[in-house]
Amino acid sequence: WLQDIRQRLITKALYPEDIFLCPFHRIGFQFNMGKMSAIALAVLSNQNLGIIIPIFGSNPSINSDVLVKALQFG
């Protein structure tokens, strides 16, 4: 198992017909920054037991508004 202890946050703005593949052993999430509806296909291969550090300890940190919406807090 390869582990990247830097917990790097990778962000990418996508446009129509763009494709983004999340690197192996990484957590992927999508956030629609636009005003129109968006369609995304997300596939997970297995459970990731080490999810806490990559989400809450990434560098740079994930915007708290994104986490609230993604994790359905509030």
N, C-alpha and C. Protein backbone atom coordinates (compact mmCIF):
# COMPACT_ATOMS: atom_id res chain seq x y z
N TRP A 1 0.84 -1.18 0.00
CA TRP A 1 0.00 0.00 0.00
C TRP A 1 0.88 1.24 0.00
N LEU A 2 0.59 2.13 -0.90
CA LEU A 2 1.31 3.40 -0.93
C LEU A 2 0.48 4.45 -0.21
N GLN A 3 1.11 5.17 0.67
CA GLN A 3 0.39 6.21 1.41
C GLN A 3 1.11 7.53 1.22
N ASP A 4 0.35 8.55 0.93
CA ASP A 4 0.89 9.90 0.79
C ASP A 4 0.55 10.63 2.08
N ILE A 5 1.54 10.82 2.95
CA ILE A 5 1.27 11.42 4.25
C ILE A 5 1.05 12.93 4.17
N ARG A 6 1.24 13.53 3.00
CA ARG A 6 1.04 14.98 2.86
C ARG A 6 -0.43 15.34 2.85
N GLN A 7 -1.33 14.41 2.55
CA GLN A 7 -2.77 14.66 2.52
C GLN A 7 -3.11 15.87 1.66
N ARG A 8 -2.56 15.91 0.46
CA ARG A 8 -2.74 17.03 -0.46
C ARG A 8 -4.15 17.12 -1.00
N LEU A 9 -4.72 18.33 -0.99
CA LEU A 9 -6.02 18.59 -1.59
C LEU A 9 -5.81 18.96 -3.05
N ILE A 10 -6.47 18.25 -3.94
CA ILE A 10 -6.38 18.54 -5.37
C ILE A 10 -7.73 19.08 -5.82
N THR A 11 -7.76 20.28 -6.38
CA THR A 11 -9.02 20.86 -6.85
C THR A 11 -8.93 21.07 -8.36
N LYS A 12 -10.08 21.00 -9.01
CA LYS A 12 -10.13 21.17 -10.46
C LYS A 12 -11.51 21.67 -10.85
N ALA A 13 -11.57 22.77 -11.58
CA ALA A 13 -12.85 23.25 -12.13
C ALA A 13 -13.08 22.52 -13.45
N LEU A 14 -14.24 21.90 -13.57
CA LEU A 14 -14.57 21.15 -14.78
C LEU A 14 -15.59 21.90 -15.62
N TYR A 15 -15.52 21.69 -16.91
CA TYR A 15 -16.42 22.32 -17.86
C TYR A 15 -17.14 21.22 -18.64
N PRO A 16 -18.20 21.54 -19.37
CA PRO A 16 -18.93 20.50 -20.10
C PRO A 16 -17.99 19.57 -20.87
N GLU A 17 -18.25 18.27 -20.73
CA GLU A 17 -17.51 17.19 -21.38
C GLU A 17 -16.13 16.93 -20.79
N ASP A 18 -15.75 17.62 -19.71
CA ASP A 18 -14.48 17.33 -19.03
C ASP A 18 -14.60 16.05 -18.23
N ILE A 19 -13.47 15.40 -18.00
CA ILE A 19 -13.40 14.19 -17.19
C ILE A 19 -12.29 14.39 -16.17
N PHE A 20 -12.55 13.96 -14.93
CA PHE A 20 -11.53 14.00 -13.89
C PHE A 20 -11.52 12.66 -13.18
N LEU A 21 -10.36 12.03 -13.10
CA LEU A 21 -10.22 10.77 -12.39
C LEU A 21 -9.49 11.03 -11.09
N CYS A 22 -10.07 10.59 -10.02
CA CYS A 22 -9.46 10.75 -8.71
C CYS A 22 -8.32 9.73 -8.58
N PRO A 23 -7.13 10.16 -8.15
CA PRO A 23 -6.01 9.23 -8.03
C PRO A 23 -6.34 8.06 -7.09
N PHE A 24 -5.69 6.93 -7.34
CA PHE A 24 -5.86 5.72 -6.55
C PHE A 24 -5.61 6.01 -5.07
N HIS A 25 -6.42 5.44 -4.21
CA HIS A 25 -6.32 5.61 -2.76
C HIS A 25 -6.60 7.04 -2.32
N ARG A 26 -7.38 7.74 -3.07
CA ARG A 26 -7.76 9.10 -2.70
C ARG A 26 -9.26 9.17 -2.52
N ILE A 27 -9.70 10.12 -1.76
CA ILE A 27 -11.12 10.36 -1.58
C ILE A 27 -11.54 11.39 -2.62
N GLY A 28 -12.61 11.12 -3.31
CA GLY A 28 -13.09 12.05 -4.31
C GLY A 28 -14.46 12.59 -3.93
N PHE A 29 -14.66 13.86 -4.17
CA PHE A 29 -15.98 14.43 -3.97
C PHE A 29 -16.19 15.52 -5.01
N GLN A 30 -17.44 15.81 -5.27
CA GLN A 30 -17.78 16.84 -6.25
C GLN A 30 -18.57 17.93 -5.56
N PHE A 31 -18.37 19.15 -6.03
CA PHE A 31 -19.11 20.30 -5.52
C PHE A 31 -19.50 21.16 -6.72
N ASN A 32 -20.79 21.36 -6.92
CA ASN A 32 -21.27 22.16 -8.04
C ASN A 32 -21.19 23.64 -7.67
N MET A 33 -20.25 24.37 -8.29
CA MET A 33 -20.07 25.79 -8.00
C MET A 33 -20.96 26.66 -8.89
N GLY A 34 -21.61 26.05 -9.87
CA GLY A 34 -22.44 26.81 -10.80
C GLY A 34 -23.85 27.01 -10.29
N LYS A 35 -24.65 27.68 -11.11
CA LYS A 35 -26.04 27.95 -10.75
C LYS A 35 -26.99 26.98 -11.42
N MET A 36 -26.50 26.19 -12.36
CA MET A 36 -27.34 25.20 -13.06
C MET A 36 -27.10 23.82 -12.45
N SER A 37 -28.03 22.92 -12.69
CA SER A 37 -27.87 21.54 -12.23
C SER A 37 -26.69 20.89 -12.95
N ALA A 38 -26.08 19.94 -12.28
CA ALA A 38 -24.94 19.22 -12.86
C ALA A 38 -25.17 17.73 -12.70
N ILE A 39 -24.55 16.95 -13.56
CA ILE A 39 -24.62 15.50 -13.48
C ILE A 39 -23.21 14.97 -13.28
N ALA A 40 -23.06 14.06 -12.32
CA ALA A 40 -21.75 13.46 -12.07
C ALA A 40 -21.91 11.96 -11.88
N LEU A 41 -20.93 11.22 -12.31
CA LEU A 41 -20.89 9.79 -12.08
C LEU A 41 -19.74 9.53 -11.11
N ALA A 42 -20.07 9.03 -9.94
CA ALA A 42 -19.05 8.74 -8.93
C ALA A 42 -19.10 7.26 -8.60
N VAL A 43 -17.95 6.62 -8.59
CA VAL A 43 -17.89 5.19 -8.33
C VAL A 43 -16.85 4.94 -7.24
N LEU A 44 -17.22 4.15 -6.24
CA LEU A 44 -16.29 3.78 -5.18
C LEU A 44 -16.02 2.29 -5.29
N SER A 45 -14.76 1.90 -5.10
CA SER A 45 -14.43 0.48 -5.20
C SER A 45 -14.50 -0.24 -3.87
N ASN A 46 -14.30 0.47 -2.77
CA ASN A 46 -14.37 -0.15 -1.45
C ASN A 46 -14.46 0.93 -0.38
N GLN A 47 -14.67 0.51 0.85
CA GLN A 47 -14.71 1.47 1.94
C GLN A 47 -13.31 1.95 2.24
N ASN A 48 -13.20 3.20 2.61
CA ASN A 48 -11.92 3.77 2.98
C ASN A 48 -11.93 4.04 4.47
N LEU A 49 -11.26 3.19 5.23
CA LEU A 49 -11.26 3.32 6.68
C LEU A 49 -10.45 4.52 7.17
N GLY A 50 -9.58 5.06 6.33
CA GLY A 50 -8.76 6.20 6.73
C GLY A 50 -9.30 7.51 6.22
N ILE A 51 -10.60 7.70 6.26
CA ILE A 51 -11.23 8.87 5.65
C ILE A 51 -11.09 10.16 6.47
N ILE A 52 -10.92 10.07 7.77
CA ILE A 52 -10.93 11.25 8.63
C ILE A 52 -9.77 12.19 8.33
N ILE A 53 -8.55 11.69 8.28
CA ILE A 53 -7.39 12.56 8.05
C ILE A 53 -7.43 13.22 6.68
N PRO A 54 -7.71 12.49 5.58
CA PRO A 54 -7.75 13.16 4.28
C PRO A 54 -8.82 14.25 4.19
N ILE A 55 -9.95 14.08 4.86
CA ILE A 55 -10.99 15.10 4.76
C ILE A 55 -10.69 16.29 5.67
N PHE A 56 -10.37 16.02 6.92
CA PHE A 56 -10.21 17.11 7.88
C PHE A 56 -8.76 17.55 8.07
N GLY A 57 -7.80 16.86 7.48
CA GLY A 57 -6.41 17.22 7.64
C GLY A 57 -5.69 17.48 6.34
N SER A 58 -6.43 17.80 5.27
CA SER A 58 -5.79 18.01 3.96
C SER A 58 -5.02 19.32 3.94
N ASN A 59 -4.12 19.44 2.97
CA ASN A 59 -3.31 20.64 2.84
C ASN A 59 -3.32 21.06 1.38
N PRO A 60 -3.93 22.20 1.01
CA PRO A 60 -4.65 23.13 1.88
C PRO A 60 -5.95 22.51 2.37
N SER A 61 -6.53 23.11 3.40
CA SER A 61 -7.75 22.55 3.98
C SER A 61 -8.94 22.71 3.04
N ILE A 62 -9.90 21.82 3.18
CA ILE A 62 -11.13 21.88 2.39
C ILE A 62 -12.03 22.95 3.00
N ASN A 63 -12.59 23.80 2.17
CA ASN A 63 -13.48 24.87 2.63
C ASN A 63 -14.58 24.29 3.50
N SER A 64 -14.82 24.88 4.67
CA SER A 64 -15.81 24.34 5.61
C SER A 64 -17.22 24.36 5.02
N ASP A 65 -17.54 25.32 4.15
CA ASP A 65 -18.86 25.34 3.50
C ASP A 65 -19.05 24.10 2.63
N VAL A 66 -17.99 23.67 1.97
CA VAL A 66 -18.05 22.47 1.13
C VAL A 66 -18.27 21.23 2.00
N LEU A 67 -17.54 21.14 3.12
CA LEU A 67 -17.71 19.99 4.02
C LEU A 67 -19.11 19.93 4.60
N VAL A 68 -19.66 21.07 5.00
CA VAL A 68 -21.01 21.11 5.57
C VAL A 68 -22.02 20.57 4.56
N LYS A 69 -21.89 21.03 3.31
CA LYS A 69 -22.83 20.59 2.27
C LYS A 69 -22.61 19.13 1.90
N ALA A 70 -21.35 18.72 1.75
CA ALA A 70 -21.04 17.35 1.34
C ALA A 70 -21.43 16.32 2.40
N LEU A 71 -21.23 16.66 3.65
CA LEU A 71 -21.51 15.72 4.74
C LEU A 71 -22.91 15.91 5.31
N GLN A 72 -23.66 16.83 4.73
CA GLN A 72 -25.05 17.11 5.11
C GLN A 72 -25.19 17.48 6.57
N PHE A 73 -24.31 18.35 7.05
CA PHE A 73 -24.44 18.89 8.40
C PHE A 73 -25.43 20.04 8.37
N GLY A 74 -26.15 20.22 9.44
CA GLY A 74 -27.01 21.41 9.57
C GLY A 74 -28.37 21.28 9.07
